[in-house]
Protein backbone atom coordinates (compact mmCIF):
# COMPACT_ATOMS: atom_id res chain seq x y z
CA LEU A 1 -11.20 -4.19 1.97
CA CYS A 2 -13.74 -6.30 0.21
CA THR A 3 -15.20 -5.16 -3.09
CA GLY A 4 -18.96 -5.57 -3.12
CA LEU A 5 -19.30 -5.86 0.65
CA ASN A 6 -22.71 -4.63 1.75
CA PHE A 7 -23.87 -3.84 5.31
CA ILE A 8 -27.49 -3.01 6.00
CA PHE A 9 -28.43 -1.64 9.43
CA ASN A 10 -32.05 -1.53 10.45
CA ASP A 11 -32.68 1.16 13.07
CA LEU A 12 -35.86 -0.13 14.66
CA VAL A 13 -36.19 2.87 16.98
CA ASN A 14 -36.25 5.48 14.20
CA ASN A 15 -37.54 3.09 11.55
CA GLU A 16 -34.58 3.77 9.23
CA LYS A 17 -32.49 1.55 7.04
CA ILE A 18 -28.82 2.54 6.60
CA THR A 19 -26.73 0.85 3.91
CA TYR A 20 -22.94 0.84 3.64
CA TYR A 21 -21.60 -0.53 0.39
CA SER A 22 -18.07 -0.77 -0.99
CA ASN A 23 -18.16 -0.73 -4.74
CA LYS A 24 -14.40 -0.47 -5.27
CA GLY A 25 -12.84 -2.11 -2.19
CA LEU A 26 -9.36 -0.73 -1.52
CA TYR A 27 -10.01 2.30 -3.75
CA ASP A 28 -12.92 3.28 -1.50
CA PHE A 29 -10.76 2.78 1.60
CA LEU A 30 -7.97 4.92 0.10
CA ASP A 31 -10.46 7.69 -0.78
CA TYR A 32 -11.74 7.60 2.80
CA LEU A 33 -8.25 7.76 4.35
CA SER A 34 -6.99 10.46 1.97
CA LYS A 35 -10.16 12.53 2.21
CA ASN A 36 -10.01 12.59 -1.61
CA ASN A 37 -6.83 14.66 -1.41
CA LEU A 38 -4.38 12.56 -3.44
CA ILE A 39 -1.60 14.19 -5.47
CA THR A 40 -0.85 10.95 -7.34
CA GLU A 41 -2.89 8.42 -9.18
CA PRO A 42 -3.50 5.45 -6.86
CA PHE A 43 -1.08 2.60 -7.55
CA TYR A 44 -3.19 -0.53 -7.28
CA PHE A 45 -2.35 -4.14 -7.96
CA ILE A 46 -3.48 -7.63 -7.11
CA LYS A 47 -1.21 -10.62 -7.61
CA GLN A 48 -1.50 -14.26 -6.74
CA GLU A 49 0.79 -17.28 -6.83
CA GLY A 50 -0.21 -20.61 -5.39
CA LYS A 51 -1.56 -20.12 -1.86
CA PHE A 52 -0.47 -16.46 -1.64
CA GLN A 53 -2.26 -13.32 -2.77
CA LEU A 54 -1.50 -9.64 -2.31
CA GLU A 55 -3.89 -6.80 -2.98
CA ALA A 56 -2.31 -3.40 -2.45
CA ILE A 57 -2.95 0.27 -3.08
CA VAL A 58 -0.67 3.25 -2.51
CA GLY A 59 -1.46 6.93 -2.82
CA TYR A 60 0.29 10.13 -1.81
CA THR A 61 -1.00 13.37 -0.33
CA ASN A 62 0.69 16.67 0.53
CA ASN A 63 0.59 15.70 4.22
CA TYR A 64 3.78 15.10 6.16
CA THR A 65 2.48 12.01 7.94
CA ASN A 66 1.90 8.60 6.47
CA ILE A 67 -0.92 6.10 7.01
CA THR A 68 -0.34 2.37 6.80
CA LYS A 69 -3.10 -0.21 7.04
CA LEU A 70 -1.97 -3.84 7.05
CA TYR A 71 -4.12 -6.95 6.86
CA THR A 72 -3.51 -10.66 6.64
CA ASN A 73 -6.59 -12.66 5.69
CA ASN A 74 -8.56 -9.47 6.52
CA ILE A 75 -7.14 -9.43 10.08
CA PRO A 76 -5.56 -6.04 10.90
CA GLN A 77 -1.90 -5.77 11.95
CA GLU A 78 0.32 -2.92 13.09
CA LYS A 79 3.47 -4.33 11.45
CA GLY A 80 4.88 -7.47 9.97
CA THR A 81 6.90 -9.22 7.33
CA HIS A 82 4.47 -8.16 4.61
CA LEU A 83 5.24 -4.50 5.36
CA THR A 84 8.99 -5.18 5.28
CA GLY A 85 8.64 -6.88 1.90
CA PHE A 86 6.60 -4.03 0.48
CA LYS A 87 8.95 -1.29 1.73
CA THR A 88 11.99 -3.11 0.32
CA ALA A 89 10.44 -3.57 -3.12
CA TRP A 90 8.89 -0.07 -3.18
CA THR A 91 12.19 1.61 -2.30
CA GLN A 92 14.20 -0.48 -4.78
CA GLY A 93 11.61 -0.08 -7.53
CA LEU A 94 11.30 3.71 -7.22
CA ASN A 95 15.08 4.13 -7.02
CA GLN A 96 15.45 2.06 -10.19
CA PHE A 97 12.73 4.13 -11.88
CA ALA A 98 14.52 7.34 -10.86
CA ARG A 99 17.84 6.06 -12.21
CA ASN A 100 16.26 4.89 -15.48
CA LYS A 101 14.70 8.33 -15.97
CA ASN A 102 17.92 10.16 -14.93
CA LEU A 103 16.18 11.69 -11.94
CA LEU A 104 18.94 10.19 -9.80
CA LYS A 105 22.45 10.57 -11.18
CA ASP A 106 25.29 8.09 -10.64
CA LYS A 107 26.76 10.27 -7.90
CA ASP A 108 23.41 10.62 -6.05
CA ASN A 109 22.52 8.43 -3.09
CA ASN A 110 19.44 6.26 -3.39
CA LEU A 111 16.28 7.35 -1.62
CA THR A 112 15.55 5.51 1.60
CA GLY A 113 12.29 3.96 2.73
CA SER A 114 11.87 6.86 5.16
CA ASP A 115 12.22 9.38 2.32
CA LEU A 116 9.33 7.69 0.51
CA GLU A 117 6.96 7.57 3.51
CA GLU A 118 6.03 11.25 3.73
CA GLY A 119 2.41 11.66 2.65
CA GLN A 120 2.11 7.97 1.77
CA ILE A 121 -1.13 6.08 2.32
CA LEU A 122 -0.57 2.35 2.02
CA ILE A 123 -3.10 -0.45 2.31
CA LEU A 124 -1.89 -4.05 2.06
CA ASN A 125 -4.20 -7.04 2.18
CA PHE A 126 -2.09 -10.21 2.15
CA LYS A 127 -3.76 -13.61 2.02
CA MET A 128 -2.14 -16.91 2.85
CA ILE A 129 -2.94 -20.27 4.41
CA ASP A 130 -1.88 -20.75 8.04
CA PRO A 131 -0.24 -17.37 8.77
CA VAL A 132 1.99 -17.09 11.84
CA PHE A 133 1.49 -14.07 14.07
CA LYS A 134 3.38 -12.65 17.03
CA GLY A 135 1.22 -12.13 20.09
CA GLN A 136 -2.29 -13.25 20.94
CA ASN A 137 -3.82 -10.19 19.30
CA LYS A 138 -2.23 -11.01 15.92
CA GLU A 139 -0.81 -7.47 15.69
CA GLU A 140 2.28 -8.59 13.75
CA LEU A 141 2.63 -11.07 10.88
CA SER A 142 5.84 -13.07 11.37
CA SER A 143 5.51 -15.61 8.52
CA SER A 144 8.59 -15.36 6.30
CA GLU A 145 6.36 -15.88 3.24
CA GLY A 146 4.80 -12.51 4.01
CA ARG A 147 8.04 -10.75 3.12
CA THR A 148 9.00 -13.05 0.27
CA TYR A 149 5.74 -12.86 -1.65
CA THR A 150 4.91 -9.24 -0.89
CA GLN A 151 8.36 -8.17 -2.08
CA LYS A 152 8.09 -10.31 -5.21
CA PHE A 153 4.57 -9.18 -6.09
CA THR A 154 5.35 -5.49 -5.47
CA SER A 155 8.53 -5.61 -7.57
CA GLU A 156 6.64 -7.25 -10.43
CA ALA A 157 3.82 -4.70 -10.24
CA ILE A 158 6.21 -1.74 -10.34
CA LYS A 159 8.05 -3.13 -13.37
CA GLU A 160 4.81 -3.98 -15.19
CA ASN A 161 3.28 -0.54 -14.55
CA GLU A 162 6.29 1.76 -14.82
CA ILE A 163 5.03 3.45 -17.98
CA ALA A 164 1.38 3.79 -16.89
CA TYR A 165 2.33 5.25 -13.49
CA GLY A 166 5.45 7.13 -14.61
CA LYS A 167 3.93 10.56 -13.92
CA SER A 168 2.87 9.53 -10.40
CA PHE A 169 6.25 7.90 -9.72
CA LYS A 170 7.95 11.16 -10.69
CA ILE A 171 5.70 13.12 -8.27
CA ILE A 172 6.53 10.61 -5.51
CA PHE A 173 10.24 10.93 -6.28
CA GLU A 174 10.11 14.76 -6.15
CA LYS A 175 8.17 14.65 -2.85
CA ALA A 176 10.74 12.22 -1.40
CA VAL A 177 13.67 14.43 -2.46
CA ALA A 178 11.97 17.42 -0.80
CA ALA A 179 11.40 15.34 2.36
CA ARG A 180 15.06 14.35 2.39
CA LYS A 181 16.17 17.98 2.20
CA ALA A 182 13.83 19.08 5.01
């Protein structure tokens, strides 16, 4: 999650030094999770407003399953408002892209969030002051700002990068249409 993070382990038994270093943060994590098997260019963005920051990366593989890794202030979650905000903006943004490029016609139904999940690897790292979690283990972010800011930041990033990531967005769209038909 953290660019430049460096762990050094000294194995005193075997007299070895093992170093783990993340040069590219979320990119390194995505490469690890995808096993370097992406069919799209990674969609990466970092946005901040006031006390809220979102760093996110999305990639797609030919797999049928999806992988989602969620964090708030580097604390892992299984679900939460930040995921809801991302899914809403991602689905709306890719549907709008598809309509603008005539990949979806007026008579066609929009893609759903489920259609867009197949093969998706998503990593969200949301940062905020005083987050509210459900449960003692903090497995779910329940702060309403999680949804609000994640949705806003994701929508902005899609609009700002539509041209640069157009080829990848088209691949994602085609994969989602195939998933819908299956």
